[in-house]
């Protein structure tokens, strides 16, 4: 379970960092879109297993 928690945080971090990298011209728009999609999929696929309901 702990590994899933770390993996979901990495997915969330990707979603948060990708727009800043695009704004700094470090990545292209298609790369940003792929990073956002990948980070979102990772977050939703892993977060449901460790977030307790009602908290």
Foldseek 3Di string as FASTA:
>chain_A
DVVLVVQLVVLVVLLVCLVVCVVVVNDDPVVSVVSNVVSVVSNVVRVVVPDDPPD
